[in-house]
Amino acid sequence: MTEHSRSIALIVNGEDVRETVEMRTSLVDFLRERLGLTGSHVGCEQGVCGACTVRLDGVTVRGCLLLAVQCAGSRVETIEGVSDTGEIADLQEAFVRRNALQCGFCTPGMLLSAQELLAQGGVLSREEIRAHLSGNYCRCTGYQAIVDAIEAVARLRLGPRASRPLSLPLEEKERAGRPRSQVVP
């Protein structure tokens, strides 16, 4: 240990970790470079894109904005850990089914953010889903499929308590695509 490094102890994906790290090492760099957990990505390095999202003591955070030394004594969960537990298996399946991922760069952050929202329970509006994901950028999908996947999982998790249908009835879908003047009541 030098004046520029510190020993830290934390729990990562359920396992005790003790490492000496440089004080300027970000959490996401520590996870990727020291622990080999490469599911969280380094994107903007300013906390804006959400690619580096991890959970710290149960709350999603941007791993690029935290120093590893700040996380000493904390519990960190990465996409690998959350995925391995099966906690997001239904969400991952919905992302695949709805084609809510393409290049995959944003997917780990999207999944962790979505799971945080879904864990709150209740029926979610599409606007609530969009608002919660507003800190996660995706350049490939246009978000529609991502919102569809999250909405579907929210309803599935609620089961019979879900108050809205999973999708619009065919008649409403046909009307939705036409100008108001062409819609026949």
C-alpha atoms as a PDB file:
ATOM      1  CA  MET A   1       0.000   0.000   0.000  1.00  0.00           C
ATOM      2  CA  THR A   2       1.317   3.439  -0.951  1.00  0.00           C
ATOM      3  CA  GLU A   3       0.040   6.943  -0.443  1.00  0.00           C
ATOM      4  CA  HIS A   4      -1.815   6.494  -3.763  1.00  0.00           C
ATOM      5  CA  SER A   5      -3.447   3.162  -2.964  1.00  0.00           C
ATOM      6  CA  ARG A   6      -5.699   1.664  -0.311  1.00  0.00           C
ATOM      7  CA  SER A   7      -6.739  -1.795   0.783  1.00  0.00           C
ATOM      8  CA  ILE A   8     -10.452  -2.340   0.476  1.00  0.00           C
ATOM      9  CA  ALA A   9     -12.824  -5.101   1.491  1.00  0.00           C
ATOM     10  CA  LEU A  10     -16.246  -5.434  -0.085  1.00  0.00           C
ATOM     11  CA  ILE A  11     -18.716  -8.069  -1.185  1.00  0.00           C
ATOM     12  CA  VAL A  12     -19.055  -8.516  -4.942  1.00  0.00           C
ATOM     13  CA  ASN A  13     -21.799 -10.805  -6.184  1.00  0.00           C
ATOM     14  CA  GLY A  14     -21.938 -12.503  -2.795  1.00  0.00           C
ATOM     15  CA  GLU A  15     -18.205 -13.117  -2.474  1.00  0.00           C
ATOM     16  CA  ASP A  16     -15.788 -11.378  -0.105  1.00  0.00           C
ATOM     17  CA  VAL A  17     -13.172  -9.402  -2.002  1.00  0.00           C
ATOM     18  CA  ARG A  18     -10.034  -7.884  -0.519  1.00  0.00           C
ATOM     19  CA  GLU A  19      -7.809  -5.912  -2.866  1.00  0.00           C
ATOM     20  CA  THR A  20      -5.371  -3.045  -2.867  1.00  0.00           C
ATOM     21  CA  VAL A  21      -6.425  -0.430  -5.401  1.00  0.00           C
ATOM     22  CA  GLU A  22      -5.170   2.909  -6.571  1.00  0.00           C
ATOM     23  CA  MET A  23      -7.294   5.633  -5.033  1.00  0.00           C
ATOM     24  CA  ARG A  24      -8.261   7.008  -8.441  1.00  0.00           C
ATOM     25  CA  THR A  25      -9.600   3.687  -9.809  1.00  0.00           C
ATOM     26  CA  SER A  26     -13.297   3.860 -10.627  1.00  0.00           C
ATOM     27  CA  LEU A  27     -15.591   1.101  -9.452  1.00  0.00           C
ATOM     28  CA  VAL A  28     -16.356  -0.027 -13.001  1.00  0.00           C
ATOM     29  CA  ASP A  29     -12.650  -0.180 -13.891  1.00  0.00           C
ATOM     30  CA  PHE A  30     -11.967  -2.158 -10.696  1.00  0.00           C
ATOM     31  CA  LEU A  31     -14.737  -4.625 -11.530  1.00  0.00           C
ATOM     32  CA  ARG A  32     -13.639  -5.028 -15.135  1.00  0.00           C
ATOM     33  CA  GLU A  33      -9.836  -4.951 -14.820  1.00  0.00           C
ATOM     34  CA  ARG A  34      -9.190  -6.467 -11.394  1.00  0.00           C
ATOM     35  CA  LEU A  35     -12.103  -8.863 -11.014  1.00  0.00           C
ATOM     36  CA  GLY A  36     -12.755  -9.734 -14.665  1.00  0.00           C
ATOM     37  CA  LEU A  37     -16.439  -8.778 -14.420  1.00  0.00           C
ATOM     38  CA  THR A  38     -16.841  -7.204 -17.845  1.00  0.00           C
ATOM     39  CA  GLY A  39     -20.638  -7.091 -18.079  1.00  0.00           C
ATOM     40  CA  SER A  40     -20.719  -3.467 -16.975  1.00  0.00           C
ATOM     41  CA  HIS A  41     -19.277  -1.279 -19.692  1.00  0.00           C
ATOM     42  CA  VAL A  42     -17.350   1.954 -19.754  1.00  0.00           C
ATOM     43  CA  GLY A  43     -19.190   4.392 -21.995  1.00  0.00           C
ATOM     44  CA  CYS A  44     -19.264   8.124 -21.431  1.00  0.00           C
ATOM     45  CA  GLU A  45     -17.296   8.087 -18.146  1.00  0.00           C
ATOM     46  CA  GLN A  46     -19.533  10.927 -16.956  1.00  0.00           C
ATOM     47  CA  GLY A  47     -22.485   8.988 -15.525  1.00  0.00           C
ATOM     48  CA  VAL A  48     -24.793   9.936 -18.362  1.00  0.00           C
ATOM     49  CA  CYS A  49     -25.117   6.820 -20.541  1.00  0.00           C
ATOM     50  CA  GLY A  50     -25.854   4.118 -17.940  1.00  0.00           C
ATOM     51  CA  ALA A  51     -23.548   1.517 -19.510  1.00  0.00           C
ATOM     52  CA  CYS A  52     -21.595   1.200 -16.240  1.00  0.00           C
ATOM     53  CA  THR A  53     -24.658   0.610 -14.039  1.00  0.00           C
ATOM     54  CA  VAL A  54     -24.185  -1.714 -11.059  1.00  0.00           C
ATOM     55  CA  ARG A  55     -26.002  -2.124  -7.747  1.00  0.00           C
ATOM     56  CA  LEU A  56     -24.384  -0.781  -4.605  1.00  0.00           C
ATOM     57  CA  ASP A  57     -26.085  -1.867  -1.397  1.00  0.00           C
ATOM     58  CA  GLY A  58     -29.232  -2.625  -3.394  1.00  0.00           C
ATOM     59  CA  VAL A  59     -29.448   0.644  -5.335  1.00  0.00           C
ATOM     60  CA  THR A  60     -28.363   1.140  -8.949  1.00  0.00           C
ATOM     61  CA  VAL A  61     -25.435   3.509  -9.337  1.00  0.00           C
ATOM     62  CA  ARG A  62     -23.077   4.586 -12.085  1.00  0.00           C
ATOM     63  CA  GLY A  63     -19.837   2.665 -11.630  1.00  0.00           C
ATOM     64  CA  CYS A  64     -17.846   5.298 -13.500  1.00  0.00           C
ATOM     65  CA  LEU A  65     -18.755   7.992 -10.953  1.00  0.00           C
ATOM     66  CA  LEU A  66     -17.676   6.048  -7.887  1.00  0.00           C
ATOM     67  CA  LEU A  67     -14.162   5.260  -6.843  1.00  0.00           C
ATOM     68  CA  ALA A  68     -13.538   1.685  -5.761  1.00  0.00           C
ATOM     69  CA  VAL A  69     -12.211   2.963  -2.404  1.00  0.00           C
ATOM     70  CA  GLN A  70     -15.583   4.658  -1.779  1.00  0.00           C
ATOM     71  CA  CYS A  71     -17.247   1.249  -1.934  1.00  0.00           C
ATOM     72  CA  ALA A  72     -15.208  -0.339   0.861  1.00  0.00           C
ATOM     73  CA  GLY A  73     -17.554  -2.206   3.191  1.00  0.00           C
ATOM     74  CA  SER A  74     -20.372  -2.229   0.645  1.00  0.00           C
ATOM     75  CA  ARG A  75     -22.200  -4.928  -1.286  1.00  0.00           C
ATOM     76  CA  VAL A  76     -21.772  -4.632  -5.070  1.00  0.00           C
ATOM     77  CA  GLU A  77     -23.855  -6.592  -7.556  1.00  0.00           C
ATOM     78  CA  THR A  78     -23.013  -6.688 -11.237  1.00  0.00           C
ATOM     79  CA  ILE A  79     -25.054  -7.958 -14.150  1.00  0.00           C
ATOM     80  CA  GLU A  80     -23.148 -11.255 -13.884  1.00  0.00           C
ATOM     81  CA  GLY A  81     -24.172 -11.744 -10.267  1.00  0.00           C
ATOM     82  CA  VAL A  82     -27.791 -10.721 -10.747  1.00  0.00           C
ATOM     83  CA  SER A  83     -28.035 -12.917 -13.829  1.00  0.00           C
ATOM     84  CA  ASP A  84     -26.458 -15.924 -12.098  1.00  0.00           C
ATOM     85  CA  THR A  85     -29.036 -15.807  -9.299  1.00  0.00           C
ATOM     86  CA  GLY A  86     -31.920 -16.023 -11.788  1.00  0.00           C
ATOM     87  CA  GLU A  87     -33.394 -12.797 -10.415  1.00  0.00           C
ATOM     88  CA  ILE A  88     -33.762 -11.296 -13.888  1.00  0.00           C
ATOM     89  CA  ALA A  89     -34.302 -14.450 -15.953  1.00  0.00           C
ATOM     90  CA  ASP A  90     -37.818 -13.385 -16.965  1.00  0.00           C
ATOM     91  CA  LEU A  91     -36.581  -9.917 -17.885  1.00  0.00           C
ATOM     92  CA  GLN A  92     -33.718 -11.316 -19.963  1.00  0.00           C
ATOM     93  CA  GLU A  93     -36.133 -13.636 -21.776  1.00  0.00           C
ATOM     94  CA  ALA A  94     -38.496 -10.734 -22.477  1.00  0.00           C
ATOM     95  CA  PHE A  95     -35.619  -8.678 -23.907  1.00  0.00           C
ATOM     96  CA  VAL A  96     -34.819 -11.540 -26.283  1.00  0.00           C
ATOM     97  CA  ARG A  97     -38.477 -12.201 -27.184  1.00  0.00           C
ATOM     98  CA  ARG A  98     -39.187  -8.522 -27.868  1.00  0.00           C
ATOM     99  CA  ASN A  99     -35.872  -7.906 -29.669  1.00  0.00           C
ATOM    100  CA  ALA A 100     -35.027  -5.303 -27.021  1.00  0.00           C
ATOM    101  CA  LEU A 101     -31.308  -5.717 -27.518  1.00  0.00           C
ATOM    102  CA  GLN A 102     -29.147  -5.447 -30.540  1.00  0.00           C
ATOM    103  CA  CYS A 103     -25.471  -4.667 -30.034  1.00  0.00           C
ATOM    104  CA  GLY A 104     -25.798  -5.395 -26.295  1.00  0.00           C
ATOM    105  CA  PHE A 105     -23.619  -2.550 -25.050  1.00  0.00           C
ATOM    106  CA  CYS A 106     -26.422  -0.882 -23.069  1.00  0.00           C
ATOM    107  CA  THR A 107     -28.231  -4.096 -22.132  1.00  0.00           C
ATOM    108  CA  PRO A 108     -26.613  -4.794 -18.725  1.00  0.00           C
ATOM    109  CA  GLY A 109     -27.395  -1.279 -17.508  1.00  0.00           C
ATOM    110  CA  MET A 110     -30.902  -1.432 -18.950  1.00  0.00           C
ATOM    111  CA  LEU A 111     -31.577  -4.758 -17.238  1.00  0.00           C
ATOM    112  CA  LEU A 112     -30.344  -3.560 -13.849  1.00  0.00           C
ATOM    113  CA  SER A 113     -32.310  -0.313 -14.099  1.00  0.00           C
ATOM    114  CA  ALA A 114     -35.414  -2.178 -15.241  1.00  0.00           C
ATOM    115  CA  GLN A 115     -35.113  -4.671 -12.385  1.00  0.00           C
ATOM    116  CA  GLU A 116     -34.823  -1.827  -9.897  1.00  0.00           C
ATOM    117  CA  LEU A 117     -38.068  -0.376 -11.231  1.00  0.00           C
ATOM    118  CA  LEU A 118     -39.856  -3.738 -11.385  1.00  0.00           C
ATOM    119  CA  ALA A 119     -38.851  -4.533  -7.799  1.00  0.00           C
ATOM    120  CA  GLN A 120     -41.057  -1.641  -6.670  1.00  0.00           C
ATOM    121  CA  GLY A 121     -44.085  -3.634  -7.865  1.00  0.00           C
ATOM    122  CA  GLY A 122     -47.377  -2.341  -9.117  1.00  0.00           C
ATOM    123  CA  VAL A 123     -48.702  -1.634 -12.574  1.00  0.00           C
ATOM    124  CA  LEU A 124     -46.303   0.597 -14.470  1.00  0.00           C
ATOM    125  CA  SER A 125     -47.238   3.029 -17.178  1.00  0.00           C
ATOM    126  CA  ARG A 126     -45.079   3.269 -20.263  1.00  0.00           C
ATOM    127  CA  GLU A 127     -44.250   6.823 -19.198  1.00  0.00           C
ATOM    128  CA  GLU A 128     -42.990   5.602 -15.812  1.00  0.00           C
ATOM    129  CA  ILE A 129     -40.818   3.017 -17.527  1.00  0.00           C
ATOM    130  CA  ARG A 130     -39.398   5.601 -19.917  1.00  0.00           C
ATOM    131  CA  ALA A 131     -38.724   8.037 -17.083  1.00  0.00           C
ATOM    132  CA  HIS A 132     -36.864   5.393 -15.077  1.00  0.00           C
ATOM    133  CA  LEU A 133     -34.744   4.447 -18.091  1.00  0.00           C
ATOM    134  CA  SER A 134     -33.990   8.049 -19.022  1.00  0.00           C
ATOM    135  CA  GLY A 135     -30.433   7.719 -17.723  1.00  0.00           C
ATOM    136  CA  ASN A 136     -29.682   4.736 -19.978  1.00  0.00           C
ATOM    137  CA  TYR A 137     -28.779   5.395 -23.595  1.00  0.00           C
ATOM    138  CA  CYS A 138     -29.402   2.958 -26.428  1.00  0.00           C
ATOM    139  CA  ARG A 139     -28.342   3.812 -29.944  1.00  0.00           C
ATOM    140  CA  CYS A 140     -29.759   0.706 -31.611  1.00  0.00           C
ATOM    141  CA  THR A 141     -33.309  -0.137 -30.564  1.00  0.00           C
ATOM    142  CA  GLY A 142     -35.192   3.141 -30.314  1.00  0.00           C
ATOM    143  CA  TYR A 143     -36.427   2.094 -26.825  1.00  0.00           C
ATOM    144  CA  GLN A 144     -39.872   0.879 -27.966  1.00  0.00           C
ATOM    145  CA  ALA A 145     -38.942  -2.795 -27.685  1.00  0.00           C
ATOM    146  CA  ILE A 146     -37.184  -2.189 -24.359  1.00  0.00           C
ATOM    147  CA  VAL A 147     -40.283  -0.531 -22.901  1.00  0.00           C
ATOM    148  CA  ASP A 148     -42.444  -3.341 -24.349  1.00  0.00           C
ATOM    149  CA  ALA A 149     -40.277  -5.980 -22.660  1.00  0.00           C
ATOM    150  CA  ILE A 150     -40.311  -4.260 -19.270  1.00  0.00           C
ATOM    151  CA  GLU A 151     -44.041  -3.636 -19.444  1.00  0.00           C
ATOM    152  CA  ALA A 152     -44.687  -7.290 -20.295  1.00  0.00           C
ATOM    153  CA  VAL A 153     -42.582  -8.515 -17.368  1.00  0.00           C
ATOM    154  CA  ALA A 154     -44.288  -6.082 -14.982  1.00  0.00           C
ATOM    155  CA  ARG A 155     -47.650  -7.503 -15.962  1.00  0.00           C
ATOM    156  CA  LEU A 156     -46.486 -11.099 -15.820  1.00  0.00           C
ATOM    157  CA  ARG A 157     -45.064 -10.583 -12.342  1.00  0.00           C
ATOM    158  CA  LEU A 158     -48.354  -9.076 -11.193  1.00  0.00           C
ATOM    159  CA  GLY A 159     -50.311 -11.988 -12.639  1.00  0.00           C
ATOM    160  CA  PRO A 160     -54.076 -11.570 -12.388  1.00  0.00           C
ATOM    161  CA  ARG A 161     -53.599  -8.286 -10.496  1.00  0.00           C
ATOM    162  CA  ALA A 162     -52.486  -6.570 -13.726  1.00  0.00           C
ATOM    163  CA  SER A 163     -55.282  -4.190 -14.607  1.00  0.00           C
ATOM    164  CA  ARG A 164     -54.465  -3.560 -18.272  1.00  0.00           C
ATOM    165  CA  PRO A 165     -54.259  -6.024 -21.168  1.00  0.00           C
ATOM    166  CA  LEU A 166     -50.762  -6.985 -22.304  1.00  0.00           C
ATOM    167  CA  SER A 167     -51.404  -5.413 -25.677  1.00  0.00           C
ATOM    168  CA  LEU A 168     -54.107  -3.457 -27.416  1.00  0.00           C
ATOM    169  CA  PRO A 169     -56.891  -5.521 -28.949  1.00  0.00           C
ATOM    170  CA  LEU A 170     -56.472  -5.923 -32.722  1.00  0.00           C
ATOM    171  CA  GLU A 171     -59.272  -3.435 -33.430  1.00  0.00           C
ATOM    172  CA  GLU A 172     -57.507  -0.733 -31.382  1.00  0.00           C
ATOM    173  CA  LYS A 173     -54.151  -1.516 -33.028  1.00  0.00           C
ATOM    174  CA  GLU A 174     -55.701  -0.972 -36.447  1.00  0.00           C
ATOM    175  CA  ARG A 175     -57.208   2.342 -35.355  1.00  0.00           C
ATOM    176  CA  ALA A 176     -53.991   3.513 -33.706  1.00  0.00           C
ATOM    177  CA  GLY A 177     -52.146   3.615 -37.031  1.00  0.00           C
ATOM    178  CA  ARG A 178     -54.709   5.702 -38.904  1.00  0.00           C
ATOM    179  CA  PRO A 179     -55.263   9.445 -38.927  1.00  0.00           C
ATOM    180  CA  ARG A 180     -58.160  10.508 -36.718  1.00  0.00           C
ATOM    181  CA  SER A 181     -60.338  11.309 -39.755  1.00  0.00           C
ATOM    182  CA  GLN A 182     -60.079   7.699 -40.964  1.00  0.00           C
ATOM    183  CA  VAL A 183     -60.997   6.012 -37.690  1.00  0.00           C
ATOM    184  CA  VAL A 184     -64.469   4.560 -37.823  1.00  0.00           C
ATOM    185  CA  PRO A 185     -66.149   4.385 -34.370  1.00  0.00           C
END
